[in-house]
Amino acid sequence: MRESPSVWAFPTVLTLHTAGMAVLVGASWLLDLRLLGITSRNTPLSAFNWVFPTIAIGLVVNLLTGVLLFIKNATTWGGAIPFFVKMLLVVVSVVLLLPVRKYTLANGGNLEAGGNVRLLAVASILAWAAAVTAGRMLAYLVV
């Protein structure tokens, strides 16, 4: 992107990364809020099965665009602690989705979520919020 003759290369990749993040985090939070009973209380969990393919699409978009953004600043970000914190938070966020997915698919007819999955939902919301914040802070902390 740095060597591209197009003035649109970097803004396009950055916009796609932001859109992928919105899809990924937005879909995850939608399910998390449902598991906490904040939204759609009368809707069975099976109605939220669409969330997982949507999250996967957002994750793939972010992985591809994230690699491109990393390559642009590899020498700077390769040794930057804030970058590794962001990556750790993203991994934690994705790992938290696995038991939530298992629970949601296994208990699709339920209207209420159990206590353990509610804790996972809170942890997921906090982890995604921290990951997004850490990613945004890269522009200010790593020069």
N, C-alpha and C. Protein backbone atom coordinates (compact mmCIF):
# COMPACT_ATOMS: atom_id res chain seq x y z
N MET A 1 0.82 -1.19 0.00
CA MET A 1 0.00 0.00 0.00
C MET A 1 0.86 1.25 0.00
N ARG A 2 1.97 1.16 0.68
CA ARG A 2 2.86 2.32 0.76
C ARG A 2 3.41 2.67 -0.63
N GLU A 3 3.67 1.65 -1.44
CA GLU A 3 4.26 1.86 -2.76
C GLU A 3 3.20 1.98 -3.85
N SER A 4 1.95 1.83 -3.51
CA SER A 4 0.89 1.88 -4.51
C SER A 4 0.77 3.27 -5.12
N PRO A 5 0.60 3.32 -6.44
CA PRO A 5 0.41 4.62 -7.08
C PRO A 5 -0.99 5.20 -6.81
N SER A 6 -1.87 4.37 -6.29
CA SER A 6 -3.24 4.82 -6.02
C SER A 6 -3.35 5.49 -4.66
N VAL A 7 -3.98 6.64 -4.65
CA VAL A 7 -4.22 7.34 -3.40
C VAL A 7 -5.31 6.61 -2.59
N TRP A 8 -6.03 5.70 -3.23
CA TRP A 8 -7.15 5.01 -2.59
C TRP A 8 -6.76 3.69 -1.93
N ALA A 9 -5.56 3.20 -2.11
CA ALA A 9 -5.18 1.88 -1.58
C ALA A 9 -5.34 1.81 -0.06
N PHE A 10 -4.68 2.68 0.65
CA PHE A 10 -4.74 2.64 2.11
C PHE A 10 -6.14 2.95 2.64
N PRO A 11 -6.81 4.01 2.17
CA PRO A 11 -8.16 4.27 2.69
C PRO A 11 -9.14 3.13 2.42
N THR A 12 -9.00 2.45 1.29
CA THR A 12 -9.89 1.34 0.97
C THR A 12 -9.68 0.19 1.94
N VAL A 13 -8.44 -0.17 2.17
CA VAL A 13 -8.14 -1.28 3.09
C VAL A 13 -8.58 -0.91 4.51
N LEU A 14 -8.32 0.30 4.92
CA LEU A 14 -8.71 0.75 6.26
C LEU A 14 -10.24 0.76 6.42
N THR A 15 -10.95 1.18 5.38
CA THR A 15 -12.41 1.18 5.43
C THR A 15 -12.95 -0.24 5.49
N LEU A 16 -12.38 -1.15 4.71
CA LEU A 16 -12.81 -2.55 4.77
C LEU A 16 -12.52 -3.16 6.15
N HIS A 17 -11.39 -2.79 6.73
CA HIS A 17 -11.05 -3.29 8.06
C HIS A 17 -12.06 -2.79 9.09
N THR A 18 -12.42 -1.53 8.98
CA THR A 18 -13.40 -0.95 9.90
C THR A 18 -14.78 -1.58 9.71
N ALA A 19 -15.18 -1.79 8.46
CA ALA A 19 -16.48 -2.42 8.19
C ALA A 19 -16.50 -3.86 8.69
N GLY A 20 -15.41 -4.59 8.47
CA GLY A 20 -15.33 -5.96 8.97
C GLY A 20 -15.41 -6.00 10.49
N MET A 21 -14.78 -5.04 11.14
CA MET A 21 -14.82 -4.96 12.59
C MET A 21 -16.24 -4.66 13.07
N ALA A 22 -16.93 -3.78 12.36
CA ALA A 22 -18.30 -3.45 12.74
C ALA A 22 -19.20 -4.68 12.64
N VAL A 23 -19.04 -5.45 11.58
CA VAL A 23 -19.83 -6.67 11.40
C VAL A 23 -19.48 -7.69 12.48
N LEU A 24 -18.21 -7.92 12.67
CA LEU A 24 -17.72 -8.90 13.64
C LEU A 24 -18.14 -8.56 15.06
N VAL A 25 -17.81 -7.38 15.51
CA VAL A 25 -18.10 -6.98 16.88
C VAL A 25 -19.59 -6.73 17.07
N GLY A 26 -20.23 -6.14 16.08
CA GLY A 26 -21.67 -5.87 16.18
C GLY A 26 -22.48 -7.15 16.32
N ALA A 27 -22.20 -8.14 15.50
CA ALA A 27 -22.93 -9.41 15.58
C ALA A 27 -22.64 -10.12 16.90
N SER A 28 -21.39 -10.08 17.33
CA SER A 28 -21.03 -10.70 18.60
C SER A 28 -21.76 -10.04 19.76
N TRP A 29 -21.77 -8.71 19.77
CA TRP A 29 -22.45 -7.98 20.85
C TRP A 29 -23.95 -8.22 20.82
N LEU A 30 -24.52 -8.34 19.63
CA LEU A 30 -25.96 -8.59 19.53
C LEU A 30 -26.31 -9.90 20.24
N LEU A 31 -25.52 -10.94 19.99
CA LEU A 31 -25.75 -12.21 20.67
C LEU A 31 -25.46 -12.09 22.17
N ASP A 32 -24.40 -11.42 22.52
CA ASP A 32 -24.06 -11.25 23.94
C ASP A 32 -25.17 -10.54 24.70
N LEU A 33 -25.71 -9.49 24.10
CA LEU A 33 -26.80 -8.76 24.75
C LEU A 33 -28.05 -9.63 24.88
N ARG A 34 -28.29 -10.48 23.89
CA ARG A 34 -29.42 -11.42 23.97
C ARG A 34 -29.20 -12.42 25.10
N LEU A 35 -27.98 -12.93 25.22
CA LEU A 35 -27.68 -13.89 26.29
C LEU A 35 -27.81 -13.26 27.67
N LEU A 36 -27.57 -11.97 27.75
CA LEU A 36 -27.71 -11.26 29.03
C LEU A 36 -29.17 -10.88 29.31
N GLY A 37 -30.05 -11.11 28.33
CA GLY A 37 -31.46 -10.80 28.51
C GLY A 37 -31.79 -9.33 28.34
N ILE A 38 -30.88 -8.58 27.74
CA ILE A 38 -31.10 -7.14 27.56
C ILE A 38 -31.95 -6.87 26.32
N THR A 39 -31.78 -7.68 25.29
CA THR A 39 -32.56 -7.52 24.06
C THR A 39 -33.27 -8.82 23.70
N SER A 40 -34.35 -8.73 23.00
CA SER A 40 -35.06 -9.88 22.40
C SER A 40 -35.32 -11.01 23.39
N ARG A 41 -35.80 -10.68 24.57
CA ARG A 41 -36.00 -11.70 25.61
C ARG A 41 -36.97 -12.81 25.20
N ASN A 42 -37.91 -12.50 24.34
CA ASN A 42 -38.92 -13.49 23.95
C ASN A 42 -38.53 -14.24 22.68
N THR A 43 -37.34 -14.02 22.20
CA THR A 43 -36.87 -14.69 21.00
C THR A 43 -35.97 -15.85 21.39
N PRO A 44 -36.26 -17.06 20.89
CA PRO A 44 -35.40 -18.20 21.25
C PRO A 44 -33.99 -18.01 20.69
N LEU A 45 -33.04 -18.63 21.36
CA LEU A 45 -31.63 -18.51 20.94
C LEU A 45 -31.42 -19.03 19.52
N SER A 46 -32.24 -19.98 19.07
CA SER A 46 -32.07 -20.52 17.72
C SER A 46 -32.24 -19.45 16.65
N ALA A 47 -32.94 -18.37 16.96
CA ALA A 47 -33.11 -17.28 16.01
C ALA A 47 -31.81 -16.51 15.79
N PHE A 48 -30.82 -16.78 16.62
CA PHE A 48 -29.53 -16.08 16.52
C PHE A 48 -28.44 -16.94 15.88
N ASN A 49 -28.81 -18.06 15.29
CA ASN A 49 -27.80 -18.92 14.65
C ASN A 49 -27.12 -18.23 13.47
N TRP A 50 -27.77 -17.26 12.86
CA TRP A 50 -27.19 -16.52 11.74
C TRP A 50 -25.96 -15.71 12.17
N VAL A 51 -25.85 -15.45 13.46
CA VAL A 51 -24.77 -14.61 13.97
C VAL A 51 -23.40 -15.24 13.69
N PHE A 52 -23.30 -16.55 13.79
CA PHE A 52 -21.98 -17.19 13.69
C PHE A 52 -21.38 -17.13 12.29
N PRO A 53 -22.16 -17.38 11.22
CA PRO A 53 -21.57 -17.16 9.88
C PRO A 53 -21.24 -15.69 9.63
N THR A 54 -22.04 -14.79 10.19
CA THR A 54 -21.77 -13.35 10.04
C THR A 54 -20.48 -12.97 10.73
N ILE A 55 -20.28 -13.49 11.93
CA ILE A 55 -19.04 -13.24 12.67
C ILE A 55 -17.85 -13.80 11.88
N ALA A 56 -18.02 -14.97 11.29
CA ALA A 56 -16.93 -15.58 10.51
C ALA A 56 -16.56 -14.70 9.31
N ILE A 57 -17.56 -14.14 8.64
CA ILE A 57 -17.28 -13.26 7.51
C ILE A 57 -16.51 -12.02 7.98
N GLY A 58 -16.97 -11.41 9.06
CA GLY A 58 -16.27 -10.24 9.60
C GLY A 58 -14.85 -10.58 10.01
N LEU A 59 -14.67 -11.76 10.59
CA LEU A 59 -13.33 -12.18 11.01
C LEU A 59 -12.40 -12.38 9.82
N VAL A 60 -12.90 -13.00 8.76
CA VAL A 60 -12.08 -13.21 7.57
C VAL A 60 -11.70 -11.87 6.93
N VAL A 61 -12.66 -10.96 6.82
CA VAL A 61 -12.37 -9.64 6.26
C VAL A 61 -11.29 -8.95 7.10
N ASN A 62 -11.43 -9.03 8.43
CA ASN A 62 -10.44 -8.37 9.30
C ASN A 62 -9.09 -9.05 9.26
N LEU A 63 -9.07 -10.35 9.13
CA LEU A 63 -7.77 -11.03 9.01
C LEU A 63 -7.04 -10.61 7.74
N LEU A 64 -7.76 -10.59 6.62
CA LEU A 64 -7.13 -10.23 5.35
C LEU A 64 -6.67 -8.77 5.35
N THR A 65 -7.55 -7.87 5.75
CA THR A 65 -7.18 -6.45 5.75
C THR A 65 -6.17 -6.15 6.85
N GLY A 66 -6.27 -6.86 7.97
CA GLY A 66 -5.31 -6.67 9.06
C GLY A 66 -3.91 -7.04 8.65
N VAL A 67 -3.77 -8.12 7.88
CA VAL A 67 -2.44 -8.52 7.38
C VAL A 67 -1.89 -7.42 6.48
N LEU A 68 -2.74 -6.87 5.62
CA LEU A 68 -2.29 -5.78 4.74
C LEU A 68 -1.86 -4.55 5.53
N LEU A 69 -2.64 -4.22 6.55
CA LEU A 69 -2.29 -3.06 7.38
C LEU A 69 -1.01 -3.32 8.17
N PHE A 70 -0.82 -4.56 8.63
CA PHE A 70 0.40 -4.91 9.36
C PHE A 70 1.62 -4.80 8.44
N ILE A 71 1.48 -5.32 7.23
CA ILE A 71 2.60 -5.30 6.28
C ILE A 71 3.05 -3.86 6.02
N LYS A 72 2.11 -2.94 5.98
CA LYS A 72 2.43 -1.53 5.74
C LYS A 72 3.35 -0.97 6.83
N ASN A 73 3.21 -1.46 8.06
CA ASN A 73 4.00 -0.96 9.19
C ASN A 73 4.70 -2.10 9.95
N ALA A 74 5.10 -3.12 9.25
CA ALA A 74 5.63 -4.33 9.91
C ALA A 74 6.83 -4.05 10.80
N THR A 75 7.74 -3.23 10.36
CA THR A 75 8.94 -2.98 11.18
C THR A 75 8.60 -2.21 12.45
N THR A 76 7.59 -1.36 12.39
CA THR A 76 7.19 -0.58 13.57
C THR A 76 6.33 -1.43 14.50
N TRP A 77 5.32 -2.07 13.95
CA TRP A 77 4.37 -2.82 14.78
C TRP A 77 4.89 -4.18 15.22
N GLY A 78 5.85 -4.73 14.47
CA GLY A 78 6.37 -6.05 14.78
C GLY A 78 6.94 -6.19 16.17
N GLY A 79 7.43 -5.11 16.74
CA GLY A 79 7.99 -5.15 18.08
C GLY A 79 7.25 -4.29 19.08
N ALA A 80 6.07 -3.83 18.71
CA ALA A 80 5.33 -2.90 19.57
C ALA A 80 4.40 -3.65 20.53
N ILE A 81 4.57 -3.40 21.80
CA ILE A 81 3.74 -4.04 22.82
C ILE A 81 2.25 -3.74 22.63
N PRO A 82 1.85 -2.50 22.31
CA PRO A 82 0.42 -2.25 22.11
C PRO A 82 -0.19 -3.10 21.00
N PHE A 83 0.59 -3.39 19.96
CA PHE A 83 0.10 -4.26 18.89
C PHE A 83 -0.15 -5.68 19.41
N PHE A 84 0.78 -6.18 20.21
CA PHE A 84 0.62 -7.53 20.77
C PHE A 84 -0.54 -7.60 21.76
N VAL A 85 -0.76 -6.52 22.49
CA VAL A 85 -1.92 -6.45 23.40
C VAL A 85 -3.21 -6.53 22.59
N LYS A 86 -3.27 -5.79 21.48
CA LYS A 86 -4.45 -5.83 20.62
C LYS A 86 -4.66 -7.25 20.09
N MET A 87 -3.63 -7.87 19.59
CA MET A 87 -3.76 -9.21 19.04
C MET A 87 -4.20 -10.22 20.11
N LEU A 88 -3.66 -10.08 21.31
CA LEU A 88 -4.06 -10.95 22.42
C LEU A 88 -5.54 -10.77 22.72
N LEU A 89 -6.01 -9.53 22.76
CA LEU A 89 -7.42 -9.25 23.03
C LEU A 89 -8.32 -9.80 21.93
N VAL A 90 -7.88 -9.74 20.69
CA VAL A 90 -8.67 -10.30 19.59
C VAL A 90 -8.75 -11.82 19.74
N VAL A 91 -7.64 -12.45 20.05
CA VAL A 91 -7.63 -13.91 20.23
C VAL A 91 -8.54 -14.30 21.40
N VAL A 92 -8.44 -13.60 22.50
CA VAL A 92 -9.30 -13.88 23.66
C VAL A 92 -10.77 -13.73 23.27
N SER A 93 -11.09 -12.68 22.53
CA SER A 93 -12.47 -12.43 22.11
C SER A 93 -13.00 -13.57 21.24
N VAL A 94 -12.19 -14.02 20.31
CA VAL A 94 -12.60 -15.11 19.42
C VAL A 94 -12.73 -16.42 20.21
N VAL A 95 -11.80 -16.67 21.12
CA VAL A 95 -11.87 -17.89 21.93
C VAL A 95 -13.12 -17.90 22.80
N LEU A 96 -13.53 -16.74 23.30
CA LEU A 96 -14.75 -16.65 24.11
C LEU A 96 -15.99 -16.99 23.28
N LEU A 97 -15.91 -16.80 21.98
CA LEU A 97 -17.06 -17.13 21.12
C LEU A 97 -17.31 -18.63 21.02
N LEU A 98 -16.29 -19.43 21.19
CA LEU A 98 -16.43 -20.88 21.01
C LEU A 98 -17.42 -21.51 22.00
N PRO A 99 -17.27 -21.30 23.30
CA PRO A 99 -18.27 -21.88 24.20
C PRO A 99 -19.65 -21.22 24.07
N VAL A 100 -19.67 -19.94 23.72
CA VAL A 100 -20.96 -19.26 23.50
C VAL A 100 -21.67 -19.89 22.31
N ARG A 101 -20.93 -20.18 21.26
CA ARG A 101 -21.51 -20.84 20.08
C ARG A 101 -22.03 -22.22 20.44
N LYS A 102 -21.23 -22.97 21.15
CA LYS A 102 -21.64 -24.32 21.55
C LYS A 102 -22.93 -24.28 22.38
N TYR A 103 -22.99 -23.37 23.32
CA TYR A 103 -24.18 -23.23 24.17
C TYR A 103 -25.39 -22.82 23.35
N THR A 104 -25.22 -21.83 22.48
CA THR A 104 -26.33 -21.31 21.69
C THR A 104 -26.90 -22.39 20.77
N LEU A 105 -26.03 -23.13 20.10
CA LEU A 105 -26.49 -24.17 19.19
C LEU A 105 -27.13 -25.33 19.94
N ALA A 106 -26.65 -25.64 21.13
CA ALA A 106 -27.20 -26.76 21.91
C ALA A 106 -28.49 -26.39 22.62
N ASN A 107 -28.71 -25.13 22.92
CA ASN A 107 -29.88 -24.69 23.69
C ASN A 107 -30.73 -23.71 22.89
N GLY A 108 -30.89 -23.99 21.60
CA GLY A 108 -31.57 -23.07 20.70
C GLY A 108 -33.00 -22.74 21.06
N GLY A 109 -33.71 -23.66 21.72
CA GLY A 109 -35.11 -23.41 22.05
C GLY A 109 -35.30 -22.61 23.33
N ASN A 110 -34.22 -22.42 24.07
CA ASN A 110 -34.32 -21.70 25.34
C ASN A 110 -34.56 -20.21 25.16
N LEU A 111 -35.27 -19.65 26.12
CA LEU A 111 -35.46 -18.20 26.15
C LEU A 111 -34.52 -17.55 27.15
N GLU A 112 -34.08 -18.30 28.14
CA GLU A 112 -33.18 -17.78 29.18
C GLU A 112 -31.82 -18.45 29.08
N ALA A 113 -30.78 -17.67 29.30
CA ALA A 113 -29.42 -18.21 29.29
C ALA A 113 -28.97 -18.48 30.72
N GLY A 114 -28.12 -19.50 30.89
CA GLY A 114 -27.60 -19.86 32.20
C GLY A 114 -26.55 -18.87 32.69
N GLY A 115 -26.20 -18.98 33.97
CA GLY A 115 -25.27 -18.06 34.60
C GLY A 115 -23.88 -18.06 33.99
N ASN A 116 -23.35 -19.24 33.66
CA ASN A 116 -21.99 -19.30 33.11
C ASN A 116 -21.91 -18.63 31.75
N VAL A 117 -22.94 -18.84 30.92
CA VAL A 117 -22.90 -18.23 29.59
C VAL A 117 -23.10 -16.72 29.69
N ARG A 118 -23.77 -16.27 30.72
CA ARG A 118 -23.91 -14.82 30.93
C ARG A 118 -22.55 -14.21 31.27
N LEU A 119 -21.76 -14.90 32.06
CA LEU A 119 -20.41 -14.42 32.37
C LEU A 119 -19.55 -14.37 31.11
N LEU A 120 -19.70 -15.37 30.25
CA LEU A 120 -18.98 -15.37 28.98
C LEU A 120 -19.40 -14.19 28.11
N ALA A 121 -20.70 -13.88 28.13
CA ALA A 121 -21.21 -12.75 27.34
C ALA A 121 -20.62 -11.43 27.84
N VAL A 122 -20.57 -11.25 29.14
CA VAL A 122 -19.97 -10.04 29.70
C VAL A 122 -18.48 -9.98 29.34
N ALA A 123 -17.78 -11.09 29.49
CA ALA A 123 -16.36 -11.14 29.16
C ALA A 123 -16.14 -10.84 27.68
N SER A 124 -17.02 -11.34 26.81
CA SER A 124 -16.92 -11.10 25.38
C SER A 124 -17.10 -9.61 25.07
N ILE A 125 -18.10 -9.00 25.65
CA ILE A 125 -18.33 -7.56 25.43
C ILE A 125 -17.11 -6.75 25.85
N LEU A 126 -16.59 -7.06 27.03
CA LEU A 126 -15.42 -6.33 27.54
C LEU A 126 -14.18 -6.58 26.68
N ALA A 127 -13.98 -7.83 26.26
CA ALA A 127 -12.80 -8.16 25.46
C ALA A 127 -12.85 -7.48 24.09
N TRP A 128 -14.03 -7.49 23.45
CA TRP A 128 -14.14 -6.81 22.15
C TRP A 128 -13.95 -5.30 22.30
N ALA A 129 -14.54 -4.73 23.34
CA ALA A 129 -14.38 -3.29 23.57
C ALA A 129 -12.90 -2.94 23.77
N ALA A 130 -12.20 -3.76 24.53
CA ALA A 130 -10.78 -3.53 24.76
C ALA A 130 -9.97 -3.73 23.48
N ALA A 131 -10.32 -4.72 22.68
CA ALA A 131 -9.60 -4.98 21.43
C ALA A 131 -9.77 -3.82 20.45
N VAL A 132 -10.99 -3.32 20.32
CA VAL A 132 -11.24 -2.18 19.43
C VAL A 132 -10.50 -0.95 19.93
N THR A 133 -10.54 -0.71 21.23
CA THR A 133 -9.84 0.44 21.80
C THR A 133 -8.33 0.31 21.59
N ALA A 134 -7.80 -0.87 21.84
CA ALA A 134 -6.36 -1.09 21.64
C ALA A 134 -5.98 -0.87 20.19
N GLY A 135 -6.80 -1.34 19.26
CA GLY A 135 -6.52 -1.13 17.85
C GLY A 135 -6.51 0.34 17.48
N ARG A 136 -7.45 1.06 18.01
CA ARG A 136 -7.51 2.50 17.72
C ARG A 136 -6.32 3.23 18.34
N MET A 137 -5.89 2.78 19.48
CA MET A 137 -4.77 3.42 20.17
C MET A 137 -3.44 3.21 19.45
N LEU A 138 -3.37 2.23 18.57
CA LEU A 138 -2.13 1.99 17.84
C LEU A 138 -1.69 3.24 17.07
N ALA A 139 -2.65 3.97 16.55
CA ALA A 139 -2.32 5.18 15.80
C ALA A 139 -1.63 6.24 16.67
N TYR A 140 -1.87 6.17 17.97
CA TYR A 140 -1.34 7.19 18.87
C TYR A 140 -0.14 6.70 19.68
N LEU A 141 -0.10 5.41 19.97
CA LEU A 141 0.96 4.87 20.82
C LEU A 141 2.16 4.36 20.04
N VAL A 142 1.93 3.93 18.81
CA VAL A 142 3.02 3.37 18.00
C VAL A 142 3.20 4.31 16.81
N VAL A 143 4.30 5.01 16.81
CA VAL A 143 4.54 5.98 15.72
C VAL A 143 5.66 5.51 14.84
